[in-house]
Amino acid sequence: MMASGTRVAVALLHHPVYGRQQEVVTTSVTGSDIHDIARIARTYGVFPFYIVNPVTAQREMVEAIKRHWFEEVVGHPRTEALSLVLPVPSLADATADLARRAGGPVRLVATSARLREGVTSYKDLASRIRAAVYPAVLLLFGTGWGLTEEVIAQAEERLEAIDMGTGFNHLPVRAAVAIILDRLLGSRLSY
């Protein structure tokens, strides 16, 4: 849990997300997302890191990767990071688990490269996290071509898009997680 009293967690959704043609799809879990986002989450004190995928075989694969590191690799710091990873079948499961862990309601915050209006600034959300306004905040990240409108509508807040003024906004999700966590929880809160 963060020192502020607000538990911050990350959910990487593989369903429901958009495909290239804006169709609703289920994407596959990738090893690089598991390892890299777990290490990013551990660095920023974020727990849990939910991998949301309704396909049982995909969740079992995540557990097999974790088991390999826990049982076969001794003394590697990555095992500590992988202990944060929790595969779940749905966003509702992640939300219920986090509410139980935090002992109170969960504030859902959607992220998307396409959000431009009616958004929350990093500075405002960071301030509320530090002030422990909520028992828990669950940051929602989408794979594929992003979170569906249905998921975004479920969230109480929509975080402003990462915009560097270049006109290009197609970051890998693990980079977006790192940037957003740094803007919300990093020591240089000047955003």
C-alpha atoms as a PDB file:
ATOM      1  CA  MET A   1       0.000   0.000   0.000  1.00  0.00           C
ATOM      2  CA  MET A   2       1.213   3.489  -0.711  1.00  0.00           C
ATOM      3  CA  ALA A   3       2.344   5.534   2.264  1.00  0.00           C
ATOM      4  CA  SER A   4      -0.465   7.958   1.482  1.00  0.00           C
ATOM      5  CA  GLY A   5      -3.102   5.433   2.522  1.00  0.00           C
ATOM      6  CA  THR A   6      -4.555   5.119  -0.960  1.00  0.00           C
ATOM      7  CA  ARG A   7      -3.870   1.736  -2.495  1.00  0.00           C
ATOM      8  CA  VAL A   8      -3.046   2.164  -6.174  1.00  0.00           C
ATOM      9  CA  ALA A   9      -3.370  -0.841  -8.477  1.00  0.00           C
ATOM     10  CA  VAL A  10      -3.096  -1.449 -12.208  1.00  0.00           C
ATOM     11  CA  ALA A  11      -5.362  -3.547 -14.416  1.00  0.00           C
ATOM     12  CA  LEU A  12      -4.178  -4.524 -17.886  1.00  0.00           C
ATOM     13  CA  LEU A  13      -7.301  -5.455 -19.816  1.00  0.00           C
ATOM     14  CA  HIS A  14      -7.171  -7.987 -22.626  1.00  0.00           C
ATOM     15  CA  HIS A  15     -10.969  -7.955 -22.859  1.00  0.00           C
ATOM     16  CA  PRO A  16     -13.030  -6.062 -23.717  1.00  0.00           C
ATOM     17  CA  VAL A  17     -10.672  -4.056 -25.919  1.00  0.00           C
ATOM     18  CA  TYR A  18     -10.786  -2.852 -29.483  1.00  0.00           C
ATOM     19  CA  GLY A  19      -9.127  -4.496 -32.439  1.00  0.00           C
ATOM     20  CA  ARG A  20      -7.722  -2.654 -35.442  1.00  0.00           C
ATOM     21  CA  GLN A  21     -11.184  -2.216 -37.006  1.00  0.00           C
ATOM     22  CA  GLN A  22     -12.763  -1.040 -33.715  1.00  0.00           C
ATOM     23  CA  GLU A  23     -14.316  -4.474 -33.152  1.00  0.00           C
ATOM     24  CA  VAL A  24     -14.419  -5.823 -29.609  1.00  0.00           C
ATOM     25  CA  VAL A  25     -11.740  -8.496 -29.190  1.00  0.00           C
ATOM     26  CA  THR A  26      -9.781 -10.472 -26.643  1.00  0.00           C
ATOM     27  CA  THR A  27      -6.021 -10.082 -26.987  1.00  0.00           C
ATOM     28  CA  SER A  28      -3.315 -12.483 -25.897  1.00  0.00           C
ATOM     29  CA  VAL A  29      -1.115 -11.968 -22.871  1.00  0.00           C
ATOM     30  CA  THR A  30       2.515 -11.214 -23.717  1.00  0.00           C
ATOM     31  CA  GLY A  31       5.497 -12.150 -21.597  1.00  0.00           C
ATOM     32  CA  SER A  32       7.054  -8.716 -21.959  1.00  0.00           C
ATOM     33  CA  ASP A  33       3.930  -7.034 -20.543  1.00  0.00           C
ATOM     34  CA  ILE A  34       3.862  -9.432 -17.582  1.00  0.00           C
ATOM     35  CA  HIS A  35       7.505  -8.920 -16.662  1.00  0.00           C
ATOM     36  CA  ASP A  36       7.882  -5.240 -17.492  1.00  0.00           C
ATOM     37  CA  ILE A  37       4.656  -3.969 -15.941  1.00  0.00           C
ATOM     38  CA  ALA A  38       5.272  -6.083 -12.823  1.00  0.00           C
ATOM     39  CA  ARG A  39       8.691  -4.462 -12.427  1.00  0.00           C
ATOM     40  CA  ILE A  40       7.226  -1.000 -13.018  1.00  0.00           C
ATOM     41  CA  ALA A  41       4.459  -1.675 -10.468  1.00  0.00           C
ATOM     42  CA  ARG A  42       6.990  -2.883  -7.889  1.00  0.00           C
ATOM     43  CA  THR A  43       9.167   0.186  -8.438  1.00  0.00           C
ATOM     44  CA  TYR A  44       6.239   2.526  -7.717  1.00  0.00           C
ATOM     45  CA  GLY A  45       4.767   0.502  -4.840  1.00  0.00           C
ATOM     46  CA  VAL A  46       1.656  -0.432  -6.818  1.00  0.00           C
ATOM     47  CA  PHE A  47      -0.194  -3.629  -5.882  1.00  0.00           C
ATOM     48  CA  PRO A  48      -1.815  -5.670  -7.295  1.00  0.00           C
ATOM     49  CA  PHE A  49      -1.089  -5.753 -11.010  1.00  0.00           C
ATOM     50  CA  TYR A  50      -4.170  -7.454 -12.476  1.00  0.00           C
ATOM     51  CA  ILE A  51      -4.012  -9.153 -15.839  1.00  0.00           C
ATOM     52  CA  VAL A  52      -7.626  -9.273 -17.007  1.00  0.00           C
ATOM     53  CA  ASN A  53      -8.276 -12.016 -19.544  1.00  0.00           C
ATOM     54  CA  PRO A  54     -11.394 -14.219 -19.770  1.00  0.00           C
ATOM     55  CA  VAL A  55      -9.495 -17.076 -21.462  1.00  0.00           C
ATOM     56  CA  THR A  56      -8.574 -19.710 -18.882  1.00  0.00           C
ATOM     57  CA  ALA A  57      -5.525 -20.885 -20.849  1.00  0.00           C
ATOM     58  CA  GLN A  58      -4.154 -17.328 -20.886  1.00  0.00           C
ATOM     59  CA  ARG A  59      -4.507 -16.965 -17.109  1.00  0.00           C
ATOM     60  CA  GLU A  60      -2.937 -20.399 -16.632  1.00  0.00           C
ATOM     61  CA  MET A  61       0.000 -19.285 -18.790  1.00  0.00           C
ATOM     62  CA  VAL A  62       0.534 -16.285 -16.499  1.00  0.00           C
ATOM     63  CA  GLU A  63       0.519 -18.587 -13.475  1.00  0.00           C
ATOM     64  CA  ALA A  64       2.976 -20.954 -15.208  1.00  0.00           C
ATOM     65  CA  ILE A  65       5.366 -18.051 -15.860  1.00  0.00           C
ATOM     66  CA  LYS A  66       5.117 -16.987 -12.225  1.00  0.00           C
ATOM     67  CA  ARG A  67       5.694 -20.583 -11.047  1.00  0.00           C
ATOM     68  CA  HIS A  68       8.808 -20.857 -13.215  1.00  0.00           C
ATOM     69  CA  TRP A  69      10.343 -17.787 -11.598  1.00  0.00           C
ATOM     70  CA  PHE A  70       9.308 -18.782  -8.074  1.00  0.00           C
ATOM     71  CA  GLU A  71      10.450 -22.405  -8.358  1.00  0.00           C
ATOM     72  CA  GLU A  72      13.318 -22.366 -10.869  1.00  0.00           C
ATOM     73  CA  VAL A  73      15.050 -19.021 -10.404  1.00  0.00           C
ATOM     74  CA  VAL A  74      16.488 -18.356  -6.974  1.00  0.00           C
ATOM     75  CA  GLY A  75      17.312 -14.889  -5.666  1.00  0.00           C
ATOM     76  CA  HIS A  76      16.312 -12.897  -8.729  1.00  0.00           C
ATOM     77  CA  PRO A  77      14.573  -9.549  -8.026  1.00  0.00           C
ATOM     78  CA  ARG A  78      12.066 -10.292 -10.781  1.00  0.00           C
ATOM     79  CA  THR A  79      10.370 -12.864  -8.542  1.00  0.00           C
ATOM     80  CA  GLU A  80       9.476 -10.102  -6.096  1.00  0.00           C
ATOM     81  CA  ALA A  81       7.899  -8.112  -8.922  1.00  0.00           C
ATOM     82  CA  LEU A  82       6.034 -11.131 -10.295  1.00  0.00           C
ATOM     83  CA  SER A  83       4.471 -11.724  -6.884  1.00  0.00           C
ATOM     84  CA  LEU A  84       2.329  -8.633  -7.604  1.00  0.00           C
ATOM     85  CA  VAL A  85       0.729 -10.225 -10.701  1.00  0.00           C
ATOM     86  CA  LEU A  86      -2.826 -11.530 -10.340  1.00  0.00           C
ATOM     87  CA  PRO A  87      -4.578 -12.963 -13.403  1.00  0.00           C
ATOM     88  CA  VAL A  88      -8.368 -12.552 -13.237  1.00  0.00           C
ATOM     89  CA  PRO A  89     -11.166 -13.277 -15.722  1.00  0.00           C
ATOM     90  CA  SER A  90     -12.882  -9.870 -15.619  1.00  0.00           C
ATOM     91  CA  LEU A  91     -12.666  -6.254 -14.530  1.00  0.00           C
ATOM     92  CA  ALA A  92     -15.443  -6.984 -12.020  1.00  0.00           C
ATOM     93  CA  ASP A  93     -13.228  -9.656 -10.430  1.00  0.00           C
ATOM     94  CA  ALA A  94     -10.293  -7.249 -10.199  1.00  0.00           C
ATOM     95  CA  THR A  95     -12.480  -4.528  -8.699  1.00  0.00           C
ATOM     96  CA  ALA A  96     -13.996  -6.874  -6.105  1.00  0.00           C
ATOM     97  CA  ASP A  97     -10.563  -8.201  -5.115  1.00  0.00           C
ATOM     98  CA  LEU A  98      -9.120  -4.705  -4.752  1.00  0.00           C
ATOM     99  CA  ALA A  99     -12.115  -3.505  -2.702  1.00  0.00           C
ATOM    100  CA  ARG A 100     -11.570  -6.435  -0.340  1.00  0.00           C
ATOM    101  CA  ARG A 101      -7.839  -5.706  -0.034  1.00  0.00           C
ATOM    102  CA  ALA A 102      -8.361  -1.955   0.465  1.00  0.00           C
ATOM    103  CA  GLY A 103     -11.318  -2.322   2.801  1.00  0.00           C
ATOM    104  CA  GLY A 104     -13.437   0.115   0.826  1.00  0.00           C
ATOM    105  CA  PRO A 105     -14.696   1.240  -2.564  1.00  0.00           C
ATOM    106  CA  VAL A 106     -12.468   1.330  -5.636  1.00  0.00           C
ATOM    107  CA  ARG A 107     -12.151   4.410  -7.841  1.00  0.00           C
ATOM    108  CA  LEU A 108     -11.854   3.251 -11.479  1.00  0.00           C
ATOM    109  CA  VAL A 109      -9.662   5.489 -13.643  1.00  0.00           C
ATOM    110  CA  ALA A 110      -9.559   4.809 -17.384  1.00  0.00           C
ATOM    111  CA  THR A 111      -6.548   5.616 -19.529  1.00  0.00           C
ATOM    112  CA  SER A 112      -6.554   6.016 -23.281  1.00  0.00           C
ATOM    113  CA  ALA A 113      -4.552   7.733 -25.996  1.00  0.00           C
ATOM    114  CA  ARG A 114      -7.812   9.022 -27.456  1.00  0.00           C
ATOM    115  CA  LEU A 115      -9.229  10.774 -24.368  1.00  0.00           C
ATOM    116  CA  ARG A 116      -9.250  14.531 -24.880  1.00  0.00           C
ATOM    117  CA  GLU A 117     -12.390  15.982 -23.241  1.00  0.00           C
ATOM    118  CA  GLY A 118     -13.827  15.640 -19.752  1.00  0.00           C
ATOM    119  CA  VAL A 119     -10.531  14.296 -18.443  1.00  0.00           C
ATOM    120  CA  THR A 120      -8.737  14.454 -15.115  1.00  0.00           C
ATOM    121  CA  SER A 121      -5.257  15.939 -14.984  1.00  0.00           C
ATOM    122  CA  TYR A 122      -2.324  14.005 -13.528  1.00  0.00           C
ATOM    123  CA  LYS A 123      -1.823  16.767 -10.974  1.00  0.00           C
ATOM    124  CA  ASP A 124      -5.421  16.557  -9.699  1.00  0.00           C
ATOM    125  CA  LEU A 125      -5.462  12.777  -9.398  1.00  0.00           C
ATOM    126  CA  ALA A 126      -1.969  12.706  -7.830  1.00  0.00           C
ATOM    127  CA  SER A 127      -3.141  15.219  -5.234  1.00  0.00           C
ATOM    128  CA  ARG A 128      -6.174  13.107  -4.317  1.00  0.00           C
ATOM    129  CA  ILE A 129      -4.047   9.958  -4.099  1.00  0.00           C
ATOM    130  CA  ARG A 130      -1.615  11.707  -1.728  1.00  0.00           C
ATOM    131  CA  ALA A 131      -4.534  13.026   0.346  1.00  0.00           C
ATOM    132  CA  ALA A 132      -6.011   9.504   0.574  1.00  0.00           C
ATOM    133  CA  VAL A 133      -9.387  10.688  -0.707  1.00  0.00           C
ATOM    134  CA  TYR A 134     -10.155   7.109  -1.872  1.00  0.00           C
ATOM    135  CA  PRO A 135      -9.350   3.766  -0.248  1.00  0.00           C
ATOM    136  CA  ALA A 136      -8.196   2.462  -3.643  1.00  0.00           C
ATOM    137  CA  VAL A 137      -7.593   3.614  -7.202  1.00  0.00           C
ATOM    138  CA  LEU A 138      -7.543   1.101 -10.049  1.00  0.00           C
ATOM    139  CA  LEU A 139      -5.848   2.407 -13.183  1.00  0.00           C
ATOM    140  CA  LEU A 140      -7.256   0.727 -16.297  1.00  0.00           C
ATOM    141  CA  PHE A 141      -4.996   0.132 -19.290  1.00  0.00           C
ATOM    142  CA  GLY A 142      -6.060  -1.516 -22.531  1.00  0.00           C
ATOM    143  CA  THR A 143      -4.203  -3.773 -24.902  1.00  0.00           C
ATOM    144  CA  GLY A 144      -4.899  -4.057 -28.628  1.00  0.00           C
ATOM    145  CA  TRP A 145      -6.302  -0.736 -29.830  1.00  0.00           C
ATOM    146  CA  GLY A 146      -7.430   0.358 -26.382  1.00  0.00           C
ATOM    147  CA  LEU A 147     -10.240   0.142 -23.868  1.00  0.00           C
ATOM    148  CA  THR A 148     -13.772  -0.078 -25.232  1.00  0.00           C
ATOM    149  CA  GLU A 149     -16.202   2.774 -24.724  1.00  0.00           C
ATOM    150  CA  GLU A 150     -18.132   0.470 -22.371  1.00  0.00           C
ATOM    151  CA  VAL A 151     -15.114   0.149 -20.057  1.00  0.00           C
ATOM    152  CA  ILE A 152     -14.337   3.862 -20.246  1.00  0.00           C
ATOM    153  CA  ALA A 153     -17.964   4.620 -19.334  1.00  0.00           C
ATOM    154  CA  GLN A 154     -17.669   2.366 -16.234  1.00  0.00           C
ATOM    155  CA  ALA A 155     -14.799   4.434 -14.890  1.00  0.00           C
ATOM    156  CA  GLU A 156     -15.516   7.315 -12.541  1.00  0.00           C
ATOM    157  CA  GLU A 157     -12.617   9.212 -14.089  1.00  0.00           C
ATOM    158  CA  ARG A 158     -10.781   9.378 -17.385  1.00  0.00           C
ATOM    159  CA  LEU A 159      -7.137  10.361 -17.144  1.00  0.00           C
ATOM    160  CA  GLU A 160      -5.786  12.807 -19.686  1.00  0.00           C
ATOM    161  CA  ALA A 161      -3.911  11.233 -22.605  1.00  0.00           C
ATOM    162  CA  ILE A 162      -0.130  11.293 -22.694  1.00  0.00           C
ATOM    163  CA  ASP A 163       0.575  14.094 -25.146  1.00  0.00           C
ATOM    164  CA  MET A 164       4.071  15.210 -25.956  1.00  0.00           C
ATOM    165  CA  GLY A 165       2.974  17.594 -28.718  1.00  0.00           C
ATOM    166  CA  THR A 166       4.462  15.532 -31.540  1.00  0.00           C
ATOM    167  CA  GLY A 167       1.160  14.479 -33.083  1.00  0.00           C
ATOM    168  CA  PHE A 168       2.145  10.816 -32.557  1.00  0.00           C
ATOM    169  CA  ASN A 169       0.490   8.893 -29.718  1.00  0.00           C
ATOM    170  CA  HIS A 170       0.894   5.145 -30.099  1.00  0.00           C
ATOM    171  CA  LEU A 171       2.973   4.059 -27.104  1.00  0.00           C
ATOM    172  CA  PRO A 172       3.446   0.450 -26.040  1.00  0.00           C
ATOM    173  CA  VAL A 173       1.219  -0.149 -23.033  1.00  0.00           C
ATOM    174  CA  ARG A 174       4.139  -0.867 -20.710  1.00  0.00           C
ATOM    175  CA  ALA A 175       5.652   2.535 -21.566  1.00  0.00           C
ATOM    176  CA  ALA A 176       2.295   4.216 -20.916  1.00  0.00           C
ATOM    177  CA  VAL A 177       2.066   2.469 -17.518  1.00  0.00           C
ATOM    178  CA  ALA A 178       5.545   3.719 -16.585  1.00  0.00           C
ATOM    179  CA  ILE A 179       4.869   7.297 -17.675  1.00  0.00           C
ATOM    180  CA  ILE A 180       1.485   7.491 -15.955  1.00  0.00           C
ATOM    181  CA  LEU A 181       2.715   5.950 -12.694  1.00  0.00           C
ATOM    182  CA  ASP A 182       5.629   8.366 -12.670  1.00  0.00           C
ATOM    183  CA  ARG A 183       3.308  11.313 -13.235  1.00  0.00           C
ATOM    184  CA  LEU A 184       0.981  10.173 -10.456  1.00  0.00           C
ATOM    185  CA  LEU A 185       3.382   8.711  -7.905  1.00  0.00           C
ATOM    186  CA  GLY A 186       6.842   9.968  -8.843  1.00  0.00           C
ATOM    187  CA  SER A 187       8.790  12.356  -6.707  1.00  0.00           C
ATOM    188  CA  ARG A 188       8.639  15.206  -9.246  1.00  0.00           C
ATOM    189  CA  LEU A 189       4.946  16.016  -9.111  1.00  0.00           C
ATOM    190  CA  SER A 190       5.043  19.131 -11.235  1.00  0.00           C
ATOM    191  CA  TYR A 191       2.509  18.115 -13.886  1.00  0.00           C
END
